[in-house]
Amino acid sequence: LTTRQKHTRECFVVAEEGADKARIEREIKTMPNYFADYDTTVHF
């Protein structure tokens, strides 16, 4: 099993008012050592 095949990550995020949610989601999903190697779902 690869890392991605063993676990998924689900994120529940409270964004600051007016924050760029698309950028926040992109930064989370591509974060090395934390999320880049996993199927990650982001909920605002």
ModelCIF file with pLDDT and N, C-alpha, C, O atoms, coordinates in Angstrom:
data_MODEL
#
_entry.id   MODEL 
#
_entity.id                         1 
_entity.type                       polymer 
_entity.pdbx_number_of_molecules   1 
#
_entity_poly.entity_id                      1 
_entity_poly.type                           'polypeptide(L)' 
_entity_poly.nstd_linkage                   no 
_entity_poly.nstd_monomer                   no 
_entity_poly.pdbx_seq_one_letter_code       LTTRQKHTRECFVVAEEGADKARIEREIKTMPNYFADYDTTVHF 
_entity_poly.pdbx_seq_one_letter_code_can   LTTRQKHTRECFVVAEEGADKARIEREIKTMPNYFADYDTTVHF 
_entity_poly.pdbx_strand_id                 A 
#
loop_
_entity_poly_seq.entity_id 
_entity_poly_seq.num 
_entity_poly_seq.mon_id 
_entity_poly_seq.hetero 
1 1  LEU n 
1 2  THR n 
1 3  THR n 
1 4  ARG n 
1 5  GLN n 
1 6  LYS n 
1 7  HIS n 
1 8  THR n 
1 9  ARG n 
1 10 GLU n 
1 11 CYS n 
1 12 PHE n 
1 13 VAL n 
1 14 VAL n 
1 15 ALA n 
1 16 GLU n 
1 17 GLU n 
1 18 GLY n 
1 19 ALA n 
1 20 ASP n 
1 21 LYS n 
1 22 ALA n 
1 23 ARG n 
1 24 ILE n 
1 25 GLU n 
1 26 ARG n 
1 27 GLU n 
1 28 ILE n 
1 29 LYS n 
1 30 THR n 
1 31 MET n 
1 32 PRO n 
1 33 ASN n 
1 34 TYR n 
1 35 PHE n 
1 36 ALA n 
1 37 ASP n 
1 38 TYR n 
1 39 ASP n 
1 40 THR n 
1 41 THR n 
1 42 VAL n 
1 43 HIS n 
1 44 PHE n 
#
_struct_asym.id          A 
_struct_asym.entity_id   1 
#
loop_
_ma_qa_metric.id 
_ma_qa_metric.mode 
_ma_qa_metric.name 
_ma_qa_metric.software_group_id 
_ma_qa_metric.type 
1 global pLDDT . pLDDT 
2 local  pLDDT . pLDDT 
#
_ma_qa_metric_global.metric_id      1 
_ma_qa_metric_global.metric_value   96.43 
_ma_qa_metric_global.model_id       1 
_ma_qa_metric_global.ordinal_id     1 
#
loop_
_ma_qa_metric_local.label_asym_id 
_ma_qa_metric_local.label_comp_id 
_ma_qa_metric_local.label_seq_id 
_ma_qa_metric_local.metric_id 
_ma_qa_metric_local.metric_value 
_ma_qa_metric_local.model_id 
_ma_qa_metric_local.ordinal_id 
A LEU 1  2 96.00 1 1  
A THR 2  2 95.00 1 2  
A THR 3  2 93.00 1 3  
A ARG 4  2 96.00 1 4  
A GLN 5  2 97.00 1 5  
A LYS 6  2 97.00 1 6  
A HIS 7  2 97.00 1 7  
A THR 8  2 97.00 1 8  
A ARG 9  2 97.00 1 9  
A GLU 10 2 98.00 1 10 
A CYS 11 2 98.00 1 11 
A PHE 12 2 98.00 1 12 
A VAL 13 2 98.00 1 13 
A VAL 14 2 98.00 1 14 
A ALA 15 2 98.00 1 15 
A GLU 16 2 97.00 1 16 
A GLU 17 2 96.00 1 17 
A GLY 18 2 97.00 1 18 
A ALA 19 2 97.00 1 19 
A ASP 20 2 98.00 1 20 
A LYS 21 2 97.00 1 21 
A ALA 22 2 98.00 1 22 
A ARG 23 2 98.00 1 23 
A ILE 24 2 98.00 1 24 
A GLU 25 2 98.00 1 25 
A ARG 26 2 98.00 1 26 
A GLU 27 2 97.00 1 27 
A ILE 28 2 97.00 1 28 
A LYS 29 2 98.00 1 29 
A THR 30 2 97.00 1 30 
A MET 31 2 95.00 1 31 
A PRO 32 2 91.00 1 32 
A ASN 33 2 84.00 1 33 
A TYR 34 2 93.00 1 34 
A PHE 35 2 95.00 1 35 
A ALA 36 2 95.00 1 36 
A ASP 37 2 94.00 1 37 
A TYR 38 2 96.00 1 38 
A ASP 39 2 97.00 1 39 
A THR 40 2 97.00 1 40 
A THR 41 2 98.00 1 41 
A VAL 42 2 98.00 1 42 
A HIS 43 2 98.00 1 43 
A PHE 44 2 98.00 1 44 
#
loop_
_atom_site.group_PDB 
_atom_site.id 
_atom_site.type_symbol 
_atom_site.label_atom_id 
_atom_site.label_alt_id 
_atom_site.label_comp_id 
_atom_site.label_asym_id 
_atom_site.label_entity_id 
_atom_site.label_seq_id 
_atom_site.pdbx_PDB_ins_code 
_atom_site.Cartn_x 
_atom_site.Cartn_y 
_atom_site.Cartn_z 
_atom_site.occupancy 
_atom_site.B_iso_or_equiv 
_atom_site.pdbx_formal_charge 
_atom_site.auth_seq_id 
_atom_site.auth_comp_id 
_atom_site.auth_asym_id 
_atom_site.auth_atom_id 
_atom_site.pdbx_PDB_model_num 
ATOM 1   N N  . LEU A 1 1  ? 0.819   -1.203 0.000  1.00 96.00 ? 1  LEU A N  1 
ATOM 2   C CA . LEU A 1 1  ? 0.000   0.000  0.000  1.00 96.00 ? 1  LEU A CA 1 
ATOM 3   C C  . LEU A 1 1  ? 0.856   1.256  0.000  1.00 96.00 ? 1  LEU A C  1 
ATOM 4   O O  . LEU A 1 1  ? 1.816   1.361  0.763  1.00 96.00 ? 1  LEU A O  1 
ATOM 5   N N  . THR A 1 2  ? 0.508   2.203  -0.853 1.00 95.00 ? 2  THR A N  1 
ATOM 6   C CA . THR A 1 2  ? 1.158   3.507  -0.818 1.00 95.00 ? 2  THR A CA 1 
ATOM 7   C C  . THR A 1 2  ? 0.527   4.352  0.292  1.00 95.00 ? 2  THR A C  1 
ATOM 8   O O  . THR A 1 2  ? -0.517  3.999  0.840  1.00 95.00 ? 2  THR A O  1 
ATOM 9   N N  . THR A 1 3  ? 1.177   5.469  0.609  1.00 93.00 ? 3  THR A N  1 
ATOM 10  C CA . THR A 1 3  ? 0.631   6.393  1.594  1.00 93.00 ? 3  THR A CA 1 
ATOM 11  C C  . THR A 1 3  ? -0.790  6.808  1.225  1.00 93.00 ? 3  THR A C  1 
ATOM 12  O O  . THR A 1 3  ? -1.671  6.831  2.085  1.00 93.00 ? 3  THR A O  1 
ATOM 13  N N  . ARG A 1 4  ? -1.017  7.134  -0.043 1.00 96.00 ? 4  ARG A N  1 
ATOM 14  C CA . ARG A 1 4  ? -2.326  7.595  -0.496 1.00 96.00 ? 4  ARG A CA 1 
ATOM 15  C C  . ARG A 1 4  ? -3.373  6.494  -0.383 1.00 96.00 ? 4  ARG A C  1 
ATOM 16  O O  . ARG A 1 4  ? -4.547  6.782  -0.149 1.00 96.00 ? 4  ARG A O  1 
ATOM 17  N N  . GLN A 1 5  ? -2.971  5.249  -0.544 1.00 97.00 ? 5  GLN A N  1 
ATOM 18  C CA . GLN A 1 5  ? -3.925  4.137  -0.497 1.00 97.00 ? 5  GLN A CA 1 
ATOM 19  C C  . GLN A 1 5  ? -4.332  3.759  0.924  1.00 97.00 ? 5  GLN A C  1 
ATOM 20  O O  . GLN A 1 5  ? -5.317  3.044  1.108  1.00 97.00 ? 5  GLN A O  1 
ATOM 21  N N  . LYS A 1 6  ? -3.601  4.219  1.923  1.00 97.00 ? 6  LYS A N  1 
ATOM 22  C CA . LYS A 1 6  ? -3.887  3.817  3.307  1.00 97.00 ? 6  LYS A CA 1 
ATOM 23  C C  . LYS A 1 6  ? -4.789  4.808  4.052  1.00 97.00 ? 6  LYS A C  1 
ATOM 24  O O  . LYS A 1 6  ? -5.628  4.396  4.853  1.00 97.00 ? 6  LYS A O  1 
ATOM 25  N N  . HIS A 1 7  ? -4.623  6.104  3.794  1.00 97.00 ? 7  HIS A N  1 
ATOM 26  C CA . HIS A 1 7  ? -5.359  7.116  4.547  1.00 97.00 ? 7  HIS A CA 1 
ATOM 27  C C  . HIS A 1 7  ? -5.827  8.244  3.639  1.00 97.00 ? 7  HIS A C  1 
ATOM 28  O O  . HIS A 1 7  ? -5.192  8.564  2.635  1.00 97.00 ? 7  HIS A O  1 
ATOM 29  N N  . THR A 1 8  ? -6.958  8.841  4.019  1.00 97.00 ? 8  THR A N  1 
ATOM 30  C CA . THR A 1 8  ? -7.372  10.114 3.433  1.00 97.00 ? 8  THR A CA 1 
ATOM 31  C C  . THR A 1 8  ? -7.364  11.169 4.541  1.00 97.00 ? 8  THR A C  1 
ATOM 32  O O  . THR A 1 8  ? -7.305  10.845 5.727  1.00 97.00 ? 8  THR A O  1 
ATOM 33  N N  . ARG A 1 9  ? -7.426  12.443 4.124  1.00 97.00 ? 9  ARG A N  1 
ATOM 34  C CA . ARG A 1 9  ? -7.438  13.539 5.091  1.00 97.00 ? 9  ARG A CA 1 
ATOM 35  C C  . ARG A 1 9  ? -8.623  14.453 4.785  1.00 97.00 ? 9  ARG A C  1 
ATOM 36  O O  . ARG A 1 9  ? -8.851  14.848 3.642  1.00 97.00 ? 9  ARG A O  1 
ATOM 37  N N  . GLU A 1 10 ? -9.367  14.775 5.842  1.00 98.00 ? 10 GLU A N  1 
ATOM 38  C CA . GLU A 1 10 ? -10.537 15.634 5.710  1.00 98.00 ? 10 GLU A CA 1 
ATOM 39  C C  . GLU A 1 10 ? -10.348 16.862 6.585  1.00 98.00 ? 10 GLU A C  1 
ATOM 40  O O  . GLU A 1 10 ? -10.087 16.741 7.782  1.00 98.00 ? 10 GLU A O  1 
ATOM 41  N N  . CYS A 1 11 ? -10.479 18.049 5.990  1.00 98.00 ? 11 CYS A N  1 
ATOM 42  C CA . CYS A 1 11 ? -10.170 19.301 6.672  1.00 98.00 ? 11 CYS A CA 1 
ATOM 43  C C  . CYS A 1 11 ? -11.426 20.165 6.790  1.00 98.00 ? 11 CYS A C  1 
ATOM 44  O O  . CYS A 1 11 ? -12.172 20.338 5.827  1.00 98.00 ? 11 CYS A O  1 
ATOM 45  N N  . PHE A 1 12 ? -11.642 20.701 7.991  1.00 98.00 ? 12 PHE A N  1 
ATOM 46  C CA . PHE A 1 12 ? -12.743 21.637 8.231  1.00 98.00 ? 12 PHE A CA 1 
ATOM 47  C C  . PHE A 1 12 ? -12.117 22.967 8.609  1.00 98.00 ? 12 PHE A C  1 
ATOM 48  O O  . PHE A 1 12 ? -11.444 23.079 9.634  1.00 98.00 ? 12 PHE A O  1 
ATOM 49  N N  . VAL A 1 13 ? -12.343 23.975 7.773  1.00 98.00 ? 13 VAL A N  1 
ATOM 50  C CA . VAL A 1 13 ? -11.585 25.223 7.851  1.00 98.00 ? 13 VAL A CA 1 
ATOM 51  C C  . VAL A 1 13 ? -12.522 26.407 8.047  1.00 98.00 ? 13 VAL A C  1 
ATOM 52  O O  . VAL A 1 13 ? -13.527 26.545 7.350  1.00 98.00 ? 13 VAL A O  1 
ATOM 53  N N  . VAL A 1 14 ? -12.174 27.262 9.011  1.00 98.00 ? 14 VAL A N  1 
ATOM 54  C CA . VAL A 1 14 ? -12.833 28.548 9.186  1.00 98.00 ? 14 VAL A CA 1 
ATOM 55  C C  . VAL A 1 14 ? -11.917 29.606 8.580  1.00 98.00 ? 14 VAL A C  1 
ATOM 56  O O  . VAL A 1 14 ? -10.818 29.840 9.083  1.00 98.00 ? 14 VAL A O  1 
ATOM 57  N N  . ALA A 1 15 ? -12.359 30.234 7.519  1.00 98.00 ? 15 ALA A N  1 
ATOM 58  C CA . ALA A 1 15 ? -11.539 31.235 6.830  1.00 98.00 ? 15 ALA A CA 1 
ATOM 59  C C  . ALA A 1 15 ? -11.819 32.631 7.389  1.00 98.00 ? 15 ALA A C  1 
ATOM 60  O O  . ALA A 1 15 ? -12.917 32.928 7.857  1.00 98.00 ? 15 ALA A O  1 
ATOM 61  N N  . GLU A 1 16 ? -10.792 33.470 7.324  1.00 97.00 ? 16 GLU A N  1 
ATOM 62  C CA . GLU A 1 16 ? -10.985 34.878 7.674  1.00 97.00 ? 16 GLU A CA 1 
ATOM 63  C C  . GLU A 1 16 ? -11.950 35.518 6.679  1.00 97.00 ? 16 GLU A C  1 
ATOM 64  O O  . GLU A 1 16 ? -12.037 35.095 5.527  1.00 97.00 ? 16 GLU A O  1 
ATOM 65  N N  . GLU A 1 17 ? -12.667 36.534 7.134  1.00 96.00 ? 17 GLU A N  1 
ATOM 66  C CA . GLU A 1 17 ? -13.600 37.210 6.247  1.00 96.00 ? 17 GLU A CA 1 
ATOM 67  C C  . GLU A 1 17 ? -12.859 37.807 5.043  1.00 96.00 ? 17 GLU A C  1 
ATOM 68  O O  . GLU A 1 17 ? -11.880 38.536 5.205  1.00 96.00 ? 17 GLU A O  1 
ATOM 69  N N  . GLY A 1 18 ? -13.334 37.492 3.847  1.00 97.00 ? 18 GLY A N  1 
ATOM 70  C CA . GLY A 1 18 ? -12.738 38.017 2.627  1.00 97.00 ? 18 GLY A CA 1 
ATOM 71  C C  . GLY A 1 18 ? -11.532 37.241 2.136  1.00 97.00 ? 18 GLY A C  1 
ATOM 72  O O  . GLY A 1 18 ? -10.938 37.614 1.124  1.00 97.00 ? 18 GLY A O  1 
ATOM 73  N N  . ALA A 1 19 ? -11.152 36.173 2.822  1.00 97.00 ? 19 ALA A N  1 
ATOM 74  C CA . ALA A 1 19 ? -9.968  35.396 2.413  1.00 97.00 ? 19 ALA A CA 1 
ATOM 75  C C  . ALA A 1 19 ? -10.246 34.659 1.100  1.00 97.00 ? 19 ALA A C  1 
ATOM 76  O O  . ALA A 1 19 ? -11.392 34.342 0.780  1.00 97.00 ? 19 ALA A O  1 
ATOM 77  N N  . ASP A 1 20 ? -9.180  34.396 0.354  1.00 98.00 ? 20 ASP A N  1 
ATOM 78  C CA . ASP A 1 20 ? -9.270  33.681 -0.919 1.00 98.00 ? 20 ASP A CA 1 
ATOM 79  C C  . ASP A 1 20 ? -9.344  32.180 -0.625 1.00 98.00 ? 20 ASP A C  1 
ATOM 80  O O  . ASP A 1 20 ? -8.316  31.538 -0.408 1.00 98.00 ? 20 ASP A O  1 
ATOM 81  N N  . LYS A 1 21 ? -10.550 31.624 -0.618 1.00 97.00 ? 21 LYS A N  1 
ATOM 82  C CA . LYS A 1 21 ? -10.745 30.221 -0.248 1.00 97.00 ? 21 LYS A CA 1 
ATOM 83  C C  . LYS A 1 21 ? -10.110 29.266 -1.262 1.00 97.00 ? 21 LYS A C  1 
ATOM 84  O O  . LYS A 1 21 ? -9.614  28.206 -0.881 1.00 97.00 ? 21 LYS A O  1 
ATOM 85  N N  . ALA A 1 22 ? -10.119 29.617 -2.506 1.00 98.00 ? 22 ALA A N  1 
ATOM 86  C CA . ALA A 1 22 ? -9.507  28.761 -3.528 1.00 98.00 ? 22 ALA A CA 1 
ATOM 87  C C  . ALA A 1 22 ? -8.005  28.640 -3.285 1.00 98.00 ? 22 ALA A C  1 
ATOM 88  O O  . ALA A 1 22 ? -7.433  27.556 -3.403 1.00 98.00 ? 22 ALA A O  1 
ATOM 89  N N  . ARG A 1 23 ? -7.372  29.769 -2.945 1.00 98.00 ? 23 ARG A N  1 
ATOM 90  C CA . ARG A 1 23 ? -5.934  29.722 -2.638 1.00 98.00 ? 23 ARG A CA 1 
ATOM 91  C C  . ARG A 1 23 ? -5.661  28.906 -1.381 1.00 98.00 ? 23 ARG A C  1 
ATOM 92  O O  . ARG A 1 23 ? -4.713  28.121 -1.339 1.00 98.00 ? 23 ARG A O  1 
ATOM 93  N N  . ILE A 1 24 ? -6.492  29.091 -0.356 1.00 98.00 ? 24 ILE A N  1 
ATOM 94  C CA . ILE A 1 24 ? -6.307  28.337 0.892  1.00 98.00 ? 24 ILE A CA 1 
ATOM 95  C C  . ILE A 1 24 ? -6.412  26.832 0.625  1.00 98.00 ? 24 ILE A C  1 
ATOM 96  O O  . ILE A 1 24 ? -5.589  26.047 1.096  1.00 98.00 ? 24 ILE A O  1 
ATOM 97  N N  . GLU A 1 25 ? -7.436  26.448 -0.136 1.00 98.00 ? 25 GLU A N  1 
ATOM 98  C CA . GLU A 1 25 ? -7.609  25.018 -0.440 1.00 98.00 ? 25 GLU A CA 1 
ATOM 99  C C  . GLU A 1 25 ? -6.417  24.485 -1.217 1.00 98.00 ? 25 GLU A C  1 
ATOM 100 O O  . GLU A 1 25 ? -5.937  23.385 -0.942 1.00 98.00 ? 25 GLU A O  1 
ATOM 101 N N  . ARG A 1 26 ? -5.938  25.252 -2.180 1.00 98.00 ? 26 ARG A N  1 
ATOM 102 C CA . ARG A 1 26 ? -4.796  24.824 -2.984 1.00 98.00 ? 26 ARG A CA 1 
ATOM 103 C C  . ARG A 1 26 ? -3.543  24.672 -2.109 1.00 98.00 ? 26 ARG A C  1 
ATOM 104 O O  . ARG A 1 26 ? -2.803  23.698 -2.244 1.00 98.00 ? 26 ARG A O  1 
ATOM 105 N N  . GLU A 1 27 ? -3.312  25.638 -1.213 1.00 97.00 ? 27 GLU A N  1 
ATOM 106 C CA . GLU A 1 27 ? -2.131  25.560 -0.336 1.00 97.00 ? 27 GLU A CA 1 
ATOM 107 C C  . GLU A 1 27 ? -2.200  24.356 0.598  1.00 97.00 ? 27 GLU A C  1 
ATOM 108 O O  . GLU A 1 27 ? -1.186  23.711 0.865  1.00 97.00 ? 27 GLU A O  1 
ATOM 109 N N  . ILE A 1 28 ? -3.384  24.060 1.085  1.00 97.00 ? 28 ILE A N  1 
ATOM 110 C CA . ILE A 1 28 ? -3.524  22.897 1.966  1.00 97.00 ? 28 ILE A CA 1 
ATOM 111 C C  . ILE A 1 28 ? -3.223  21.611 1.195  1.00 97.00 ? 28 ILE A C  1 
ATOM 112 O O  . ILE A 1 28 ? -2.421  20.791 1.641  1.00 97.00 ? 28 ILE A O  1 
ATOM 113 N N  . LYS A 1 29 ? -3.859  21.439 0.052  1.00 98.00 ? 29 LYS A N  1 
ATOM 114 C CA . LYS A 1 29 ? -3.756  20.175 -0.683 1.00 98.00 ? 29 LYS A CA 1 
ATOM 115 C C  . LYS A 1 29 ? -2.350  19.919 -1.229 1.00 98.00 ? 29 LYS A C  1 
ATOM 116 O O  . LYS A 1 29 ? -1.985  18.769 -1.473 1.00 98.00 ? 29 LYS A O  1 
ATOM 117 N N  . THR A 1 30 ? -1.557  20.980 -1.423 1.00 97.00 ? 30 THR A N  1 
ATOM 118 C CA . THR A 1 30 ? -0.208  20.807 -1.973 1.00 97.00 ? 30 THR A CA 1 
ATOM 119 C C  . THR A 1 30 ? 0.876   20.919 -0.904 1.00 97.00 ? 30 THR A C  1 
ATOM 120 O O  . THR A 1 30 ? 2.062   20.936 -1.236 1.00 97.00 ? 30 THR A O  1 
ATOM 121 N N  . MET A 1 31 ? 0.494   20.996 0.375  1.00 95.00 ? 31 MET A N  1 
ATOM 122 C CA . MET A 1 31 ? 1.465   21.178 1.455  1.00 95.00 ? 31 MET A CA 1 
ATOM 123 C C  . MET A 1 31 ? 2.329   19.921 1.605  1.00 95.00 ? 31 MET A C  1 
ATOM 124 O O  . MET A 1 31 ? 1.806   18.855 1.929  1.00 95.00 ? 31 MET A O  1 
ATOM 125 N N  . PRO A 1 32 ? 3.648   20.032 1.374  1.00 91.00 ? 32 PRO A N  1 
ATOM 126 C CA . PRO A 1 32 ? 4.518   18.847 1.482  1.00 91.00 ? 32 PRO A CA 1 
ATOM 127 C C  . PRO A 1 32 ? 4.582   18.339 2.918  1.00 91.00 ? 32 PRO A C  1 
ATOM 128 O O  . PRO A 1 32 ? 4.477   19.109 3.872  1.00 91.00 ? 32 PRO A O  1 
ATOM 129 N N  . ASN A 1 33 ? 4.758   17.024 3.051  1.00 84.00 ? 33 ASN A N  1 
ATOM 130 C CA . ASN A 1 33 ? 4.888   16.334 4.345  1.00 84.00 ? 33 ASN A CA 1 
ATOM 131 C C  . ASN A 1 33 ? 3.589   16.276 5.139  1.00 84.00 ? 33 ASN A C  1 
ATOM 132 O O  . ASN A 1 33 ? 3.531   15.602 6.168  1.00 84.00 ? 33 ASN A O  1 
ATOM 133 N N  . TYR A 1 34 ? 2.548   16.967 4.685  1.00 93.00 ? 34 TYR A N  1 
ATOM 134 C CA . TYR A 1 34 ? 1.282   16.970 5.406  1.00 93.00 ? 34 TYR A CA 1 
ATOM 135 C C  . TYR A 1 34 ? 0.125   16.453 4.552  1.00 93.00 ? 34 TYR A C  1 
ATOM 136 O O  . TYR A 1 34 ? -0.587  15.534 4.958  1.00 93.00 ? 34 TYR A O  1 
ATOM 137 N N  . PHE A 1 35 ? -0.063  17.048 3.362  1.00 95.00 ? 35 PHE A N  1 
ATOM 138 C CA . PHE A 1 35 ? -1.258  16.729 2.582  1.00 95.00 ? 35 PHE A CA 1 
ATOM 139 C C  . PHE A 1 35 ? -0.976  16.324 1.138  1.00 95.00 ? 35 PHE A C  1 
ATOM 140 O O  . PHE A 1 35 ? -1.822  15.697 0.500  1.00 95.00 ? 35 PHE A O  1 
ATOM 141 N N  . ALA A 1 36 ? 0.186   16.668 0.618  1.00 95.00 ? 36 ALA A N  1 
ATOM 142 C CA . ALA A 1 36 ? 0.447   16.458 -0.810 1.00 95.00 ? 36 ALA A CA 1 
ATOM 143 C C  . ALA A 1 36 ? 0.365   14.991 -1.215 1.00 95.00 ? 36 ALA A C  1 
ATOM 144 O O  . ALA A 1 36 ? 0.014   14.686 -2.355 1.00 95.00 ? 36 ALA A O  1 
ATOM 145 N N  . ASP A 1 37 ? 0.682   14.077 -0.297 1.00 94.00 ? 37 ASP A N  1 
ATOM 146 C CA . ASP A 1 37 ? 0.703   12.651 -0.633 1.00 94.00 ? 37 ASP A CA 1 
ATOM 147 C C  . ASP A 1 37 ? -0.618  11.944 -0.349 1.00 94.00 ? 37 ASP A C  1 
ATOM 148 O O  . ASP A 1 37 ? -0.693  10.718 -0.420 1.00 94.00 ? 37 ASP A O  1 
ATOM 149 N N  . TYR A 1 38 ? -1.665  12.714 -0.026 1.00 96.00 ? 38 TYR A N  1 
ATOM 150 C CA . TYR A 1 38 ? -2.949  12.114 0.353  1.00 96.00 ? 38 TYR A CA 1 
ATOM 151 C C  . TYR A 1 38 ? -4.075  12.689 -0.484 1.00 96.00 ? 38 TYR A C  1 
ATOM 152 O O  . TYR A 1 38 ? -3.974  13.805 -0.994 1.00 96.00 ? 38 TYR A O  1 
ATOM 153 N N  . ASP A 1 39 ? -5.153  11.921 -0.625 1.00 97.00 ? 39 ASP A N  1 
ATOM 154 C CA . ASP A 1 39 ? -6.399  12.472 -1.144 1.00 97.00 ? 39 ASP A CA 1 
ATOM 155 C C  . ASP A 1 39 ? -7.010  13.299 -0.019 1.00 97.00 ? 39 ASP A C  1 
ATOM 156 O O  . ASP A 1 39 ? -7.388  12.761 1.021  1.00 97.00 ? 39 ASP A O  1 
ATOM 157 N N  . THR A 1 40 ? -7.103  14.606 -0.234 1.00 97.00 ? 40 THR A N  1 
ATOM 158 C CA . THR A 1 40 ? -7.498  15.551 0.809  1.00 97.00 ? 40 THR A CA 1 
ATOM 159 C C  . THR A 1 40 ? -8.754  16.305 0.402  1.00 97.00 ? 40 THR A C  1 
ATOM 160 O O  . THR A 1 40 ? -8.851  16.814 -0.715 1.00 97.00 ? 40 THR A O  1 
ATOM 161 N N  . THR A 1 41 ? -9.713  16.371 1.317  1.00 98.00 ? 41 THR A N  1 
ATOM 162 C CA . THR A 1 41 ? -10.948 17.124 1.106  1.00 98.00 ? 41 THR A CA 1 
ATOM 163 C C  . THR A 1 41 ? -10.973 18.303 2.058  1.00 98.00 ? 41 THR A C  1 
ATOM 164 O O  . THR A 1 41 ? -10.687 18.153 3.246  1.00 98.00 ? 41 THR A O  1 
ATOM 165 N N  . VAL A 1 42 ? -11.318 19.487 1.537  1.00 98.00 ? 42 VAL A N  1 
ATOM 166 C CA . VAL A 1 42 ? -11.364 20.704 2.351  1.00 98.00 ? 42 VAL A CA 1 
ATOM 167 C C  . VAL A 1 42 ? -12.799 21.225 2.376  1.00 98.00 ? 42 VAL A C  1 
ATOM 168 O O  . VAL A 1 42 ? -13.401 21.469 1.331  1.00 98.00 ? 42 VAL A O  1 
ATOM 169 N N  . HIS A 1 43 ? -13.343 21.393 3.598  1.00 98.00 ? 43 HIS A N  1 
ATOM 170 C CA . HIS A 1 43 ? -14.676 21.979 3.776  1.00 98.00 ? 43 HIS A CA 1 
ATOM 171 C C  . HIS A 1 43 ? -14.513 23.328 4.471  1.00 98.00 ? 43 HIS A C  1 
ATOM 172 O O  . HIS A 1 43 ? -13.806 23.418 5.475  1.00 98.00 ? 43 HIS A O  1 
ATOM 173 N N  . PHE A 1 44 ? -15.138 24.349 3.970  1.00 98.00 ? 44 PHE A N  1 
ATOM 174 C CA . PHE A 1 44 ? -15.148 25.650 4.637  1.00 98.00 ? 44 PHE A CA 1 
ATOM 175 C C  . PHE A 1 44 ? -16.444 25.768 5.440  1.00 98.00 ? 44 PHE A C  1 
ATOM 176 O O  . PHE A 1 44 ? -16.677 26.787 6.091  1.00 98.00 ? 44 PHE A O  1 
#
